[in-house]
Structures are given as structure tokens and as C-alpha cells.
C-alpha atoms as a PDB file:
ATOM      1  CA  MET A   1      69.896 136.409  56.563  1.00  0.00           C
ATOM      2  CA  PRO A   2      73.385 134.916  56.328  1.00  0.00           C
ATOM      3  CA  ASN A   3      74.581 132.907  59.239  1.00  0.00           C
ATOM      4  CA  GLN A   4      76.379 134.992  61.806  1.00  0.00           C
ATOM      5  CA  PRO A   5      79.836 133.779  62.777  1.00  0.00           C
ATOM      6  CA  ASN A   6      79.956 132.002  66.059  1.00  0.00           C
ATOM      7  CA  ASN A   7      82.271 134.014  68.272  1.00  0.00           C
ATOM      8  CA  THR A   8      81.757 131.873  71.338  1.00  0.00           C
ATOM      9  CA  SER A   9      84.712 129.778  72.441  1.00  0.00           C
ATOM     10  CA  PRO A  10      85.039 127.205  75.216  1.00  0.00           C
ATOM     11  CA  ASP A  11      86.026 128.365  78.631  1.00  0.00           C
ATOM     12  CA  PRO A  12      89.814 127.816  78.935  1.00  0.00           C
ATOM     13  CA  SER A  13      89.286 126.559  82.461  1.00  0.00           C
ATOM     14  CA  GLU A  14      87.488 123.531  81.018  1.00  0.00           C
ATOM     15  CA  TRP A  15      90.547 122.196  79.193  1.00  0.00           C
ATOM     16  CA  THR A  16      93.534 123.906  80.759  1.00  0.00           C
ATOM     17  CA  THR A  17      95.398 122.478  83.719  1.00  0.00           C
ATOM     18  CA  ILE A  18      97.455 124.974  85.670  1.00  0.00           C
ATOM     19  CA  ILE A  19     100.385 123.547  87.612  1.00  0.00           C
ATOM     20  CA  ARG A  20     101.642 125.673  90.442  1.00  0.00           C
ATOM     21  CA  PRO A  21     104.563 124.980  92.789  1.00  0.00           C
ATOM     22  CA  SER A  22     103.604 123.808  96.238  1.00  0.00           C
ATOM     23  CA  LYS A  23     104.209 126.014  99.248  1.00  0.00           C
ATOM     24  CA  GLY A  24     105.173 125.010 102.763  1.00  0.00           C
ATOM     25  CA  TRP A  25     103.875 121.783 104.263  1.00  0.00           C
ATOM     26  CA  VAL A  26     101.347 120.679 101.673  1.00  0.00           C
ATOM     27  CA  SER A  27      98.769 117.908 101.495  1.00  0.00           C
ATOM     28  CA  LEU A  28      99.892 114.465 100.353  1.00  0.00           C
ATOM     29  CA  ARG A  29      97.486 114.394  97.356  1.00  0.00           C
ATOM     30  CA  LEU A  30      97.396 110.618  97.274  1.00  0.00           C
ATOM     31  CA  HIS A  31      94.652 110.682  94.645  1.00  0.00           C
ATOM     32  CA  ASP A  32      97.332 111.719  92.123  1.00  0.00           C
ATOM     33  CA  LEU A  33      98.979 108.322  92.542  1.00  0.00           C
ATOM     34  CA  TRP A  34      95.783 106.548  91.502  1.00  0.00           C
ATOM     35  CA  GLU A  35      95.503 108.722  88.404  1.00  0.00           C
ATOM     36  CA  TYR A  36      99.077 107.833  87.437  1.00  0.00           C
ATOM     37  CA  ARG A  37      98.877 104.146  88.394  1.00  0.00           C
ATOM     38  CA  ASP A  38      99.730 103.061  84.837  1.00  0.00           C
ATOM     39  CA  LEU A  39     102.920 105.111  84.956  1.00  0.00           C
ATOM     40  CA  ILE A  40     103.851 103.491  88.290  1.00  0.00           C
ATOM     41  CA  MET A  41     103.555 100.017  86.798  1.00  0.00           C
ATOM     42  CA  LEU A  42     105.427 101.081  83.652  1.00  0.00           C
ATOM     43  CA  LEU A  43     108.352 102.472  85.638  1.00  0.00           C
ATOM     44  CA  ALA A  44     108.387  99.438  87.944  1.00  0.00           C
ATOM     45  CA  TRP A  45     108.548  97.083  84.963  1.00  0.00           C
ATOM     46  CA  ARG A  46     111.287  99.235  83.418  1.00  0.00           C
ATOM     47  CA  ASP A  47     113.355  98.952  86.616  1.00  0.00           C
ATOM     48  CA  ILE A  48     112.960  95.167  86.585  1.00  0.00           C
ATOM     49  CA  SER A  49     113.933  94.919  82.907  1.00  0.00           C
ATOM     50  CA  VAL A  50     116.979  97.178  83.279  1.00  0.00           C
ATOM     51  CA  ARG A  51     118.150  95.334  86.396  1.00  0.00           C
ATOM     52  CA  TYR A  52     118.506  92.005  84.575  1.00  0.00           C
ATOM     53  CA  LYS A  53     119.233  93.212  81.057  1.00  0.00           C
ATOM     54  CA  GLN A  54     122.415  91.713  79.595  1.00  0.00           C
ATOM     55  CA  THR A  55     123.046  89.604  82.679  1.00  0.00           C
ATOM     56  CA  VAL A  56     124.178  85.992  82.435  1.00  0.00           C
ATOM     57  CA  LEU A  57     122.133  84.659  85.349  1.00  0.00           C
ATOM     58  CA  GLY A  58     119.166  87.018  84.996  1.00  0.00           C
ATOM     59  CA  ALA A  59     116.555  86.723  87.733  1.00  0.00           C
ATOM     60  CA  ALA A  60     118.691  84.122  89.517  1.00  0.00           C
ATOM     61  CA  TRP A  61     120.430  87.061  91.191  1.00  0.00           C
ATOM     62  CA  ALA A  62     117.277  87.474  93.273  1.00  0.00           C
ATOM     63  CA  VAL A  63     118.135  84.140  94.891  1.00  0.00           C
ATOM     64  CA  ILE A  64     121.942  84.219  94.885  1.00  0.00           C
ATOM     65  CA  GLN A  65     122.268  87.128  97.315  1.00  0.00           C
ATOM     66  CA  PRO A  66     120.059  85.801 100.158  1.00  0.00           C
ATOM     67  CA  PHE A  67     121.101  82.175  99.587  1.00  0.00           C
ATOM     68  CA  PHE A  68     124.854  82.746  99.866  1.00  0.00           C
ATOM     69  CA  SER A  69     124.305  85.124 102.778  1.00  0.00           C
ATOM     70  CA  MET A  70     122.416  82.276 104.457  1.00  0.00           C
ATOM     71  CA  VAL A  71     125.341  79.909 103.852  1.00  0.00           C
ATOM     72  CA  ILE A  72     127.866  82.370 105.301  1.00  0.00           C
ATOM     73  CA  PHE A  73     125.710  83.184 108.321  1.00  0.00           C
ATOM     74  CA  SER A  74     125.055  79.494 108.973  1.00  0.00           C
ATOM     75  CA  VAL A  75     128.783  78.724 108.997  1.00  0.00           C
ATOM     76  CA  PHE A  76     129.979  81.636 111.113  1.00  0.00           C
ATOM     77  CA  PHE A  77     127.018  82.576 113.301  1.00  0.00           C
ATOM     78  CA  GLY A  78     125.107  79.305 113.489  1.00  0.00           C
ATOM     79  CA  GLY A  79     128.163  77.022 113.491  1.00  0.00           C
ATOM     80  CA  LEU A  80     131.183  78.797 114.982  1.00  0.00           C
ATOM     81  CA  ALA A  81     129.488  81.407 117.186  1.00  0.00           C
ATOM     82  CA  GLN A  82     126.579  79.104 118.145  1.00  0.00           C
ATOM     83  CA  VAL A  83     124.067  81.957 117.971  1.00  0.00           C
ATOM     84  CA  SER A  84     120.650  80.872 119.237  1.00  0.00           C
ATOM     85  CA  SER A  85     118.058  80.209 116.535  1.00  0.00           C
ATOM     86  CA  ASP A  86     115.116  79.491 118.864  1.00  0.00           C
ATOM     87  CA  GLY A  87     115.512  75.761 118.316  1.00  0.00           C
ATOM     88  CA  LEU A  88     115.078  76.056 114.541  1.00  0.00           C
ATOM     89  CA  PRO A  89     117.575  74.925 111.888  1.00  0.00           C
ATOM     90  CA  TYR A  90     119.835  77.943 111.469  1.00  0.00           C
ATOM     91  CA  PRO A  91     119.726  77.968 107.632  1.00  0.00           C
ATOM     92  CA  VAL A  92     115.920  78.244 107.703  1.00  0.00           C
ATOM     93  CA  PHE A  93     116.065  80.679 110.613  1.00  0.00           C
ATOM     94  CA  SER A  94     118.447  83.026 108.800  1.00  0.00           C
ATOM     95  CA  TYR A  95     116.944  82.743 105.307  1.00  0.00           C
ATOM     96  CA  THR A  96     113.481  83.566 106.627  1.00  0.00           C
ATOM     97  CA  ALA A  97     114.931  86.842 107.938  1.00  0.00           C
ATOM     98  CA  LEU A  98     117.035  87.485 104.844  1.00  0.00           C
ATOM     99  CA  LEU A  99     113.943  87.250 102.642  1.00  0.00           C
ATOM    100  CA  PRO A 100     112.267  90.496 103.885  1.00  0.00           C
ATOM    101  CA  TRP A 101     115.643  92.062 104.694  1.00  0.00           C
ATOM    102  CA  THR A 102     116.923  91.689 101.120  1.00  0.00           C
ATOM    103  CA  PHE A 103     113.653  93.117  99.815  1.00  0.00           C
ATOM    104  CA  PHE A 104     114.027  96.114 102.123  1.00  0.00           C
ATOM    105  CA  ALA A 105     117.724  96.687 101.372  1.00  0.00           C
ATOM    106  CA  ASN A 106     117.331  96.483  97.586  1.00  0.00           C
ATOM    107  CA  SER A 107     114.175  98.609  97.566  1.00  0.00           C
ATOM    108  CA  LEU A 108     115.815 101.254  99.754  1.00  0.00           C
ATOM    109  CA  THR A 109     118.886 101.410  97.516  1.00  0.00           C
ATOM    110  CA  LEU A 110     116.796 101.745  94.362  1.00  0.00           C
ATOM    111  CA  SER A 111     114.398 104.341  95.758  1.00  0.00           C
ATOM    112  CA  ALA A 112     117.168 106.426  97.357  1.00  0.00           C
ATOM    113  CA  ASN A 113     118.820 106.888  93.960  1.00  0.00           C
ATOM    114  CA  SER A 114     115.631 106.952  91.900  1.00  0.00           C
ATOM    115  CA  LEU A 115     115.209 110.729  91.510  1.00  0.00           C
ATOM    116  CA  VAL A 116     118.820 111.361  90.526  1.00  0.00           C
ATOM    117  CA  GLY A 117     118.696 108.421  88.133  1.00  0.00           C
ATOM    118  CA  ASN A 118     115.602 109.861  86.436  1.00  0.00           C
ATOM    119  CA  ALA A 119     116.885 113.445  86.185  1.00  0.00           C
ATOM    120  CA  ASN A 120     115.947 113.813  82.507  1.00  0.00           C
ATOM    121  CA  LEU A 121     112.402 112.645  83.166  1.00  0.00           C
ATOM    122  CA  LEU A 122     111.957 115.059  86.063  1.00  0.00           C
ATOM    123  CA  SER A 123     112.944 118.099  84.027  1.00  0.00           C
ATOM    124  CA  LYS A 124     110.862 117.368  80.927  1.00  0.00           C
ATOM    125  CA  VAL A 125     107.352 116.317  81.923  1.00  0.00           C
ATOM    126  CA  TYR A 126     104.958 116.748  84.828  1.00  0.00           C
ATOM    127  CA  PHE A 127     103.750 113.865  86.953  1.00  0.00           C
ATOM    128  CA  PRO A 128     103.621 113.299  90.724  1.00  0.00           C
ATOM    129  CA  ARG A 129     107.271 112.907  91.698  1.00  0.00           C
ATOM    130  CA  LEU A 130     106.249 110.376  94.321  1.00  0.00           C
ATOM    131  CA  VAL A 131     105.653 107.955  91.452  1.00  0.00           C
ATOM    132  CA  ILE A 132     109.399 107.409  90.920  1.00  0.00           C
ATOM    133  CA  PRO A 133     110.480 106.147  94.384  1.00  0.00           C
ATOM    134  CA  LEU A 134     107.215 104.221  94.713  1.00  0.00           C
ATOM    135  CA  ALA A 135     107.832 102.374  91.441  1.00  0.00           C
ATOM    136  CA  SER A 136     111.417 101.607  92.486  1.00  0.00           C
ATOM    137  CA  THR A 137     110.200 100.176  95.778  1.00  0.00           C
ATOM    138  CA  ILE A 138     107.489  97.893  94.418  1.00  0.00           C
ATOM    139  CA  SER A 139     109.764  96.584  91.659  1.00  0.00           C
ATOM    140  CA  GLY A 140     111.499  94.550  94.368  1.00  0.00           C
ATOM    141  CA  LEU A 141     108.365  92.447  94.855  1.00  0.00           C
ATOM    142  CA  VAL A 142     109.311  90.341  91.843  1.00  0.00           C
ATOM    143  CA  ASP A 143     112.653  89.418  93.414  1.00  0.00           C
ATOM    144  CA  PHE A 144     110.863  88.715  96.689  1.00  0.00           C
ATOM    145  CA  ALA A 145     108.478  86.275  95.003  1.00  0.00           C
ATOM    146  CA  ILE A 146     111.360  84.372  93.398  1.00  0.00           C
ATOM    147  CA  ALA A 147     113.329  84.182  96.652  1.00  0.00           C
ATOM    148  CA  PHE A 148     110.195  83.087  98.532  1.00  0.00           C
ATOM    149  CA  VAL A 149     109.891  79.966  96.370  1.00  0.00           C
ATOM    150  CA  VAL A 150     113.452  79.047  97.365  1.00  0.00           C
ATOM    151  CA  LEU A 151     112.525  79.455 101.040  1.00  0.00           C
ATOM    152  CA  LEU A 152     109.688  76.973 100.632  1.00  0.00           C
ATOM    153  CA  ILE A 153     112.122  74.486  99.053  1.00  0.00           C
ATOM    154  CA  ILE A 154     114.567  74.907 101.954  1.00  0.00           C
ATOM    155  CA  MET A 155     111.760  74.394 104.477  1.00  0.00           C
ATOM    156  CA  LEU A 156     110.664  71.211 102.719  1.00  0.00           C
ATOM    157  CA  PHE A 157     114.267  70.001 102.768  1.00  0.00           C
ATOM    158  CA  TYR A 158     114.232  70.315 106.568  1.00  0.00           C
ATOM    159  CA  GLY A 159     110.787  68.715 106.791  1.00  0.00           C
ATOM    160  CA  MET A 160     109.043  71.951 107.777  1.00  0.00           C
ATOM    161  CA  LEU A 161     105.759  73.434 106.584  1.00  0.00           C
ATOM    162  CA  PRO A 162     104.426  76.975 107.039  1.00  0.00           C
ATOM    163  CA  THR A 163     102.125  77.445 110.024  1.00  0.00           C
ATOM    164  CA  THR A 164      98.487  78.493 109.739  1.00  0.00           C
ATOM    165  CA  ALA A 165      99.623  82.029 110.581  1.00  0.00           C
ATOM    166  CA  VAL A 166     101.073  82.223 107.063  1.00  0.00           C
ATOM    167  CA  ILE A 167      97.812  83.889 106.000  1.00  0.00           C
ATOM    168  CA  LEU A 168      99.101  86.995 107.831  1.00  0.00           C
ATOM    169  CA  LEU A 169     102.327  87.050 105.823  1.00  0.00           C
ATOM    170  CA  PRO A 170     101.025  89.666 103.325  1.00  0.00           C
ATOM    171  CA  LEU A 171     100.551  92.063 106.253  1.00  0.00           C
ATOM    172  CA  PHE A 172     104.191  91.682 107.281  1.00  0.00           C
ATOM    173  CA  LEU A 173     105.241  92.137 103.661  1.00  0.00           C
ATOM    174  CA  LEU A 174     103.154  95.304 103.536  1.00  0.00           C
ATOM    175  CA  LEU A 175     104.928  96.491 106.675  1.00  0.00           C
ATOM    176  CA  ALA A 176     108.279  95.887 104.955  1.00  0.00           C
ATOM    177  CA  LEU A 177     107.063  97.822 101.911  1.00  0.00           C
ATOM    178  CA  ILE A 178     105.911 100.745 104.063  1.00  0.00           C
ATOM    179  CA  THR A 179     109.255 100.817 105.873  1.00  0.00           C
ATOM    180  CA  ALA A 180     111.286 100.737 102.649  1.00  0.00           C
ATOM    181  CA  LEU A 181     109.138 103.405 101.007  1.00  0.00           C
ATOM    182  CA  GLY A 182     109.197 105.690 104.045  1.00  0.00           C
ATOM    183  CA  ALA A 183     112.988 105.536 104.333  1.00  0.00           C
ATOM    184  CA  GLY A 184     113.341 105.761 100.554  1.00  0.00           C
ATOM    185  CA  LEU A 185     111.302 108.966 100.386  1.00  0.00           C
ATOM    186  CA  TRP A 186     113.530 110.633 102.954  1.00  0.00           C
ATOM    187  CA  LEU A 187     116.744 109.514 101.289  1.00  0.00           C
ATOM    188  CA  SER A 188     115.653 110.180  97.696  1.00  0.00           C
ATOM    189  CA  ALA A 189     114.632 113.750  98.533  1.00  0.00           C
ATOM    190  CA  LEU A 190     117.833 114.337 100.482  1.00  0.00           C
ATOM    191  CA  ASN A 191     119.908 112.785  97.699  1.00  0.00           C
ATOM    192  CA  VAL A 192     118.732 115.455  95.247  1.00  0.00           C
ATOM    193  CA  GLU A 193     120.159 118.195  97.431  1.00  0.00           C
ATOM    194  CA  TYR A 194     123.078 116.335  99.031  1.00  0.00           C
ATOM    195  CA  ARG A 195     124.779 113.847  96.727  1.00  0.00           C
ATOM    196  CA  ASP A 196     126.699 112.429  99.688  1.00  0.00           C
ATOM    197  CA  ILE A 197     123.571 110.435 100.508  1.00  0.00           C
ATOM    198  CA  ARG A 198     124.286 107.813  97.864  1.00  0.00           C
ATOM    199  CA  TYR A 199     127.578 107.023  99.617  1.00  0.00           C
ATOM    200  CA  ALA A 200     125.899 106.884 103.018  1.00  0.00           C
ATOM    201  CA  VAL A 201     123.132 104.479 101.969  1.00  0.00           C
ATOM    202  CA  PRO A 202     125.324 101.319 101.836  1.00  0.00           C
ATOM    203  CA  PHE A 203     126.733 102.130 105.285  1.00  0.00           C
ATOM    204  CA  LEU A 204     123.226 102.747 106.629  1.00  0.00           C
ATOM    205  CA  ILE A 205     121.980  99.432 105.247  1.00  0.00           C
ATOM    206  CA  GLN A 206     124.938  97.560 106.735  1.00  0.00           C
ATOM    207  CA  ALA A 207     124.360  99.146 110.147  1.00  0.00           C
ATOM    208  CA  LEU A 208     120.634  98.370 109.994  1.00  0.00           C
ATOM    209  CA  MET A 209     121.343  94.698 109.308  1.00  0.00           C
ATOM    210  CA  PHE A 210     123.126  94.284 112.619  1.00  0.00           C
ATOM    211  CA  ALA A 211     120.564  96.475 114.373  1.00  0.00           C
ATOM    212  CA  SER A 212     117.845  94.087 113.160  1.00  0.00           C
ATOM    213  CA  PRO A 213     117.364  90.418 114.175  1.00  0.00           C
ATOM    214  CA  VAL A 214     118.675  88.921 110.947  1.00  0.00           C
ATOM    215  CA  VAL A 215     121.461  86.716 112.330  1.00  0.00           C
ATOM    216  CA  TYR A 216     120.066  86.476 115.850  1.00  0.00           C
ATOM    217  CA  SER A 217     116.682  86.348 117.568  1.00  0.00           C
ATOM    218  CA  SER A 218     115.095  89.250 119.416  1.00  0.00           C
ATOM    219  CA  THR A 219     114.395  86.815 122.261  1.00  0.00           C
ATOM    220  CA  LEU A 220     117.997  87.415 123.345  1.00  0.00           C
ATOM    221  CA  LEU A 221     116.730  90.717 124.749  1.00  0.00           C
ATOM    222  CA  GLU A 222     114.772  90.824 127.976  1.00  0.00           C
ATOM    223  CA  GLU A 223     111.725  92.966 128.612  1.00  0.00           C
ATOM    224  CA  PRO A 224     111.187  95.873 128.408  1.00  0.00           C
ATOM    225  CA  TRP A 225     114.106  96.162 125.962  1.00  0.00           C
ATOM    226  CA  ARG A 226     112.636  93.582 123.603  1.00  0.00           C
ATOM    227  CA  THR A 227     109.423  95.589 123.236  1.00  0.00           C
ATOM    228  CA  LEU A 228     111.353  98.847 122.779  1.00  0.00           C
ATOM    229  CA  TYR A 229     113.430  97.064 120.159  1.00  0.00           C
ATOM    230  CA  GLY A 230     110.273  97.150 118.063  1.00  0.00           C
ATOM    231  CA  LEU A 231     110.862 100.860 117.414  1.00  0.00           C
ATOM    232  CA  ASN A 232     112.971  99.542 114.568  1.00  0.00           C
ATOM    233  CA  PRO A 233     110.209  98.632 112.076  1.00  0.00           C
ATOM    234  CA  LEU A 234     112.338  95.863 110.597  1.00  0.00           C
ATOM    235  CA  VAL A 235     112.226  94.030 113.911  1.00  0.00           C
ATOM    236  CA  GLY A 236     108.477  93.543 113.603  1.00  0.00           C
ATOM    237  CA  VAL A 237     108.829  92.570 109.940  1.00  0.00           C
ATOM    238  CA  ILE A 238     111.504  89.925 110.500  1.00  0.00           C
ATOM    239  CA  GLU A 239     110.050  88.427 113.665  1.00  0.00           C
ATOM    240  CA  GLY A 240     106.626  88.484 112.018  1.00  0.00           C
ATOM    241  CA  PHE A 241     107.972  86.472 109.082  1.00  0.00           C
ATOM    242  CA  ARG A 242     109.566  83.936 111.422  1.00  0.00           C
ATOM    243  CA  TRP A 243     106.409  83.567 113.444  1.00  0.00           C
ATOM    244  CA  ALA A 244     104.101  83.272 110.412  1.00  0.00           C
ATOM    245  CA  LEU A 245     106.298  80.783 108.567  1.00  0.00           C
ATOM    246  CA  LEU A 246     108.169  78.869 111.262  1.00  0.00           C
ATOM    247  CA  GLY A 247     106.011  79.216 114.358  1.00  0.00           C
ATOM    248  CA  SER A 248     108.730  80.928 116.405  1.00  0.00           C
ATOM    249  CA  THR A 249     108.047  83.174 119.410  1.00  0.00           C
ATOM    250  CA  PRO A 250     105.044  85.458 118.672  1.00  0.00           C
ATOM    251  CA  PRO A 251     106.132  89.108 118.259  1.00  0.00           C
ATOM    252  CA  GLY A 252     103.352  90.292 120.615  1.00  0.00           C
ATOM    253  CA  THR A 253     103.178  94.040 121.300  1.00  0.00           C
ATOM    254  CA  MET A 254     106.503  94.465 119.515  1.00  0.00           C
ATOM    255  CA  ILE A 255     104.762  94.161 116.150  1.00  0.00           C
ATOM    256  CA  LEU A 256     102.345  96.949 117.081  1.00  0.00           C
ATOM    257  CA  ILE A 257     105.219  99.258 117.976  1.00  0.00           C
ATOM    258  CA  SER A 258     106.972  98.391 114.717  1.00  0.00           C
ATOM    259  CA  ALA A 259     103.798  99.091 112.738  1.00  0.00           C
ATOM    260  CA  VAL A 260     103.339 102.503 114.367  1.00  0.00           C
ATOM    261  CA  ALA A 261     107.005 103.349 113.751  1.00  0.00           C
ATOM    262  CA  ALA A 262     106.739 102.289 110.088  1.00  0.00           C
ATOM    263  CA  VAL A 263     103.611 104.388 109.491  1.00  0.00           C
ATOM    264  CA  ALA A 264     105.241 107.387 111.197  1.00  0.00           C
ATOM    265  CA  LEU A 265     108.294 106.952 108.970  1.00  0.00           C
ATOM    266  CA  LEU A 266     106.121 106.778 105.846  1.00  0.00           C
ATOM    267  CA  VAL A 267     103.951 109.803 106.682  1.00  0.00           C
ATOM    268  CA  SER A 268     106.926 111.964 107.659  1.00  0.00           C
ATOM    269  CA  GLY A 269     108.788 110.858 104.527  1.00  0.00           C
ATOM    270  CA  MET A 270     105.832 111.735 102.298  1.00  0.00           C
ATOM    271  CA  LEU A 271     105.417 115.137 103.922  1.00  0.00           C
ATOM    272  CA  TYR A 272     109.108 115.968 103.536  1.00  0.00           C
ATOM    273  CA  PHE A 273     109.116 114.668  99.955  1.00  0.00           C
ATOM    274  CA  ARG A 274     106.103 116.803  99.020  1.00  0.00           C
ATOM    275  CA  ARG A 275     107.691 119.847 100.644  1.00  0.00           C
ATOM    276  CA  MET A 276     110.892 119.454  98.632  1.00  0.00           C
ATOM    277  CA  GLU A 277     109.541 118.255  95.281  1.00  0.00           C
ATOM    278  CA  LYS A 278     109.043 121.776  93.884  1.00  0.00           C
ATOM    279  CA  ASN A 279     112.839 122.075  93.775  1.00  0.00           C
ATOM    280  CA  PHE A 280     113.656 118.685  92.294  1.00  0.00           C
ATOM    281  CA  ALA A 281     113.749 119.764  88.627  1.00  0.00           C
ATOM    282  CA  ASP A 282     116.095 122.683  89.436  1.00  0.00           C
ATOM    283  CA  MET A 283     118.512 120.786  91.654  1.00  0.00           C
ATOM    284  CA  VAL A 284     118.628 117.353  90.073  1.00  0.00           C
END
């Protein structure tokens, strides 16, 4: 007998992925980020390349901003205003704070504008939208690494070496990353709907600088205000850097409060971002 035609076909559910819009307060679906990890690294590298493309000084800009800020702060705050630096040379004192602060400020600026800047990508292909602000945030790690080498040179110039607590420095850097990403998720999602956000971000960053112990030490505050000051996550980050590198006053319970505040900021930012992402392609 002749062969009968095979009328069986594969189940469409085996090869079809159905994408549905999320509803209400949805799960974070962090496993999607792992599946798209290559895209995260690709976008992060693209941000780094674009940032220094056709620039005369290139990656030197990662050092110029914190270095000249250190010089200005040392002259006006350390010299003229005689702001206390906990007995440390003010240039080292200020640059150690400017290192994580610059990372936070640049990462926040990039992530806040990341969705609007990738409008064409959002409307053409599916991927977890969280990938975009995350890639913008971690791209700042390259600048951080370059600026960190300069800090070591400055410390050697003043005859200082990092303390043994430097092994905890990655934890404080992680705290800075969590803080920048949490704030960036809020602002990037809001920026899609309200374009005023991009004008408010520079003002917010400027206000946060003076609300954080960049040019002064948190030891100027007495308890319990110093501990409550830790509700600003950047306080724990900056004082943690100073303690780990310079052996300044230990942050104590303040770092725990800062860590809790940073995690709360990140979780709330992710939840709000996931709630709003179904509208990004229409509004961007």
C-alpha cells in the first residue's frame, strides 16, 4: 500500500511564545534577566562606547569630574570653611566620597533617561524592559574602576594605604549599585509618562549631594540623628567607603539602616517599573 500522508503536526504550544500584557501589581520575574544577560552586557558596552565616542580625552573624563571636584572642595570647604575631615587629609577625604557619589550620580542620570533614549528599541522587539535601566546602571562600573585607580595614587601620595576592611568594599559598591538602580527604575518609568523628570533629575542629584556626607562627615551629627541620617542610602555607602579605605569612624548601625533603605528603594522601584512597563511602548 502507498504511504499515507502524515497529517500530524507539532503542538503549537511547543514552539509558540505568547506575550501578554501584565496586569496590576505583578511578580518581578527576575529569571527573565538571567535569560537576557547577554543583551544586558551588550547594551552596557554600547553605552560605554557611545559615551566616549569622538571625544578627545576619552575615558579620562571618568577621572576629570571627581578629581576637579576634589580640588574645588579642598580649596573652599577644606581650606576656607575649615570643614572637619575626621583628621584625614581633606583631598583624600573628599575624593573617597566623590568616588561612589560620581558613580551614583552618573548611573542615575543614564538610567533615568534610558527608556526614552531607547524608544525605537522598545517599540520594535520584546525583551524585559528592566534590561535597559539595568544596563545603563552597570555601565558606570567601568568609570568607577578607572577613578578608583586614581584614588589609590592619591592615597599613596599622602602616605596612606587601604585598611584591612577594604575586603568589604565590594559590599559598599553593591549598595551604591542597588541605590542607583532603585532610584533609576522609579525615574525612568516616570520619565516615560512625564517628560519633566529629565529636567528634575539634575536638581535632585544636586540636592542629594548636599544631603549626603560628601563634603563633610556624618560625625558632625549627634545621636540619634546620625543613625537616622542613614535613611539616606548614600550615607551608608559614602561612610562605608571612608571606613573601608581610610579607617575613619565605623558606620555602625547606620550602615544597616542604609542597606534596608536601599533594598526598599530597589524593590519598590522594580514593582512600580513592572506595573508600568506594559504602557512603555505606547507612551515612549
